[in-house]
Protein backbone atom coordinates (compact mmCIF):
# COMPACT_ATOMS: atom_id res chain seq x y z
CA MET A 1 -0.01 -0.14 -0.21
CA ILE A 2 2.73 2.40 0.98
CA ARG A 3 4.57 1.45 -2.09
CA GLU A 4 1.64 2.15 -3.94
CA SER A 5 0.88 5.27 -2.48
CA LYS A 6 4.69 6.23 -3.59
CA LYS A 7 4.54 5.68 -6.98
CA LEU A 8 1.02 7.46 -7.01
CA LYS A 9 3.09 10.58 -5.57
CA GLN A 10 5.89 9.97 -8.01
CA ARG A 11 3.46 9.90 -11.18
CA GLU A 12 1.64 13.12 -9.94
CA GLN A 13 5.02 15.20 -9.21
CA LEU A 14 6.37 13.84 -12.65
CA ALA A 15 3.27 14.63 -14.50
CA LEU A 16 3.41 18.53 -13.29
CA ALA A 17 7.22 18.87 -13.50
CA LEU A 18 7.21 17.73 -16.99
CA LEU A 19 4.36 20.88 -17.49
CA GLN A 20 6.91 23.08 -16.26
CA GLN A 21 10.69 21.91 -17.61
CA PRO A 22 11.75 21.59 -20.66
CA SER A 23 12.92 17.92 -20.30
CA MET A 24 12.59 14.46 -18.96
CA GLU A 25 15.79 14.52 -17.58
CA LYS A 26 15.14 18.44 -15.94
CA ALA A 27 11.75 17.14 -14.73
CA ALA A 28 13.29 14.22 -13.06
CA ALA A 29 15.75 16.34 -10.99
CA ALA A 30 13.02 18.46 -9.78
CA VAL A 31 11.17 15.64 -8.90
CA GLY A 32 14.51 14.18 -7.16
CA ILE A 33 14.24 10.91 -9.01
CA SER A 34 16.91 9.63 -11.29
CA THR A 35 16.16 9.83 -15.04
CA THR A 36 15.96 5.84 -15.74
CA THR A 37 13.04 6.35 -12.97
CA ALA A 38 11.27 8.87 -15.05
CA TRP A 39 11.28 7.23 -18.25
CA ARG A 40 10.12 4.08 -16.44
CA ILE A 41 7.19 6.00 -14.79
CA GLY A 42 6.93 7.93 -18.32
CA LYS A 43 6.21 4.65 -20.18
CA THR A 44 2.98 3.44 -17.68
CA PRO A 45 -0.56 3.54 -19.16
CA GLU A 46 -1.40 5.19 -15.45
CA PHE A 47 0.98 8.21 -16.20
CA ALA A 48 -0.14 8.53 -19.23
CA GLU A 49 -3.58 9.20 -17.66
CA GLN A 50 -2.13 11.16 -15.18
CA PHE A 51 -0.05 13.47 -17.27
CA GLU A 52 -3.13 13.95 -19.96
CA ARG A 53 -5.31 14.84 -16.73
CA ALA A 54 -2.77 17.31 -15.54
CA ARG A 55 -2.04 18.83 -19.14
CA ARG A 56 -5.90 19.51 -19.46
CA ASN A 57 -6.30 21.08 -15.77
CA ALA A 58 -3.05 23.59 -16.80
CA TYR A 59 -4.98 24.02 -19.90
CA ASP A 60 -8.01 24.99 -18.61
CA GLN A 61 -6.58 27.71 -15.66
CA VAL A 62 -4.65 29.27 -19.19
CA SER A 63 -7.89 29.53 -20.61
CA SER A 64 -9.74 31.14 -17.63
CA ARG A 65 -7.22 33.47 -17.13
CA LEU A 66 -7.50 34.68 -21.28
CA GLN A 67 -10.88 34.98 -20.74
CA TYR A 68 -10.58 37.16 -17.92
CA GLY A 69 -8.15 39.53 -19.82
CA ALA A 70 -10.31 39.25 -22.93
CA ALA A 71 -12.83 41.97 -22.27
CA LYS A 72 -10.38 44.16 -20.87
CA ALA A 73 -8.33 43.62 -24.23
CA VAL A 74 -11.64 44.09 -26.28
CA ASP A 75 -11.92 47.41 -24.79
CA ILE A 76 -8.55 48.51 -25.35
CA LEU A 77 -8.49 47.41 -29.33
CA VAL A 78 -12.40 49.52 -29.21
CA ASP A 79 -10.10 52.56 -27.97
CA VAL A 80 -7.61 52.15 -30.28
CA MET A 81 -10.18 52.11 -32.98
CA GLU A 82 -12.46 55.24 -32.21
CA ASN A 83 -9.68 57.37 -31.34
CA PRO A 84 -9.55 60.15 -33.69
CA ARG A 85 -5.70 60.72 -32.59
CA ALA A 86 -4.92 57.26 -33.30
CA PRO A 87 -2.55 56.70 -36.43
CA HIS A 88 -4.70 54.80 -39.35
CA ALA A 89 -2.39 51.94 -39.59
CA CYS A 90 -3.29 51.25 -36.03
CA LYS A 91 -7.04 51.24 -36.03
CA VAL A 92 -6.97 49.34 -39.10
CA ARG A 93 -4.60 46.87 -36.71
CA ALA A 94 -7.07 46.59 -34.21
CA ALA A 95 -9.79 46.29 -36.48
CA ASP A 96 -7.99 43.53 -38.25
CA THR A 97 -7.32 41.90 -34.74
CA MET A 98 -11.09 42.02 -33.30
CA LEU A 99 -12.39 40.58 -36.75
CA HIS A 100 -9.60 37.59 -36.53
CA HIS A 101 -10.64 36.90 -33.03
CA ALA A 102 -14.03 37.08 -33.39
CA THR A 103 -13.83 34.74 -36.47
CA LYS A 104 -11.55 32.31 -34.67
CA ALA A 105 -14.25 32.52 -31.41
CA LYS A 106 -17.02 31.42 -33.76
CA GLU A 107 -14.78 28.49 -34.66
CA MET A 108 -14.38 27.43 -31.87
CA ASP A 109 -18.19 27.34 -30.85
CA VAL A 110 -19.10 25.83 -34.19
CA ASP A 111 -16.36 22.72 -32.83
CA ALA A 112 -17.68 22.52 -29.86
CA ARG A 113 -21.29 22.39 -31.00
CA LEU A 114 -20.15 19.59 -33.77
CA GLY A 115 -18.36 17.54 -30.90
CA ARG A 116 -21.23 17.84 -28.83
CA LEU A 117 -23.20 16.39 -31.83
CA GLU A 118 -20.80 13.78 -32.44
CA ARG A 119 -21.01 12.54 -28.93
CA THR A 120 -24.92 12.34 -29.20
CA PRO A 121 -25.74 8.52 -29.66
CA VAL A 122 -27.55 8.24 -32.62
CA THR A 123 -30.69 6.32 -32.66
CA GLU A 124 -32.35 4.40 -35.15
CA THR A 125 -35.77 5.24 -36.37
CA GLN A 126 -37.95 2.34 -38.57
CA PRO A 127 -39.50 3.43 -41.45
């Protein structure tokens, strides 16, 4: 039981370290295990699952921070576009950025909706 708990802790720590370090060697050093042990842990299906979960959590946190700052960023772009003293090049760049991100947001919405549809079970109807 203690051995299994130690393995679980090592997997969790290694998964987090790999998100913060540029290599397996540095991640292993950060966790305090040998590189060989890190490679061995890294080859297990349990680690793959743990790493994917850690990666998703990290991505979700970054995504939340981006969403938090998005409204402020949009306000700044709108201010530049509406500022009569701003150079035309800045206004065009702000407008282009707004259009680009609005299009990207719409694509992400469509992708999310499509993903939900694809996961919906298909029920067969009889003619």
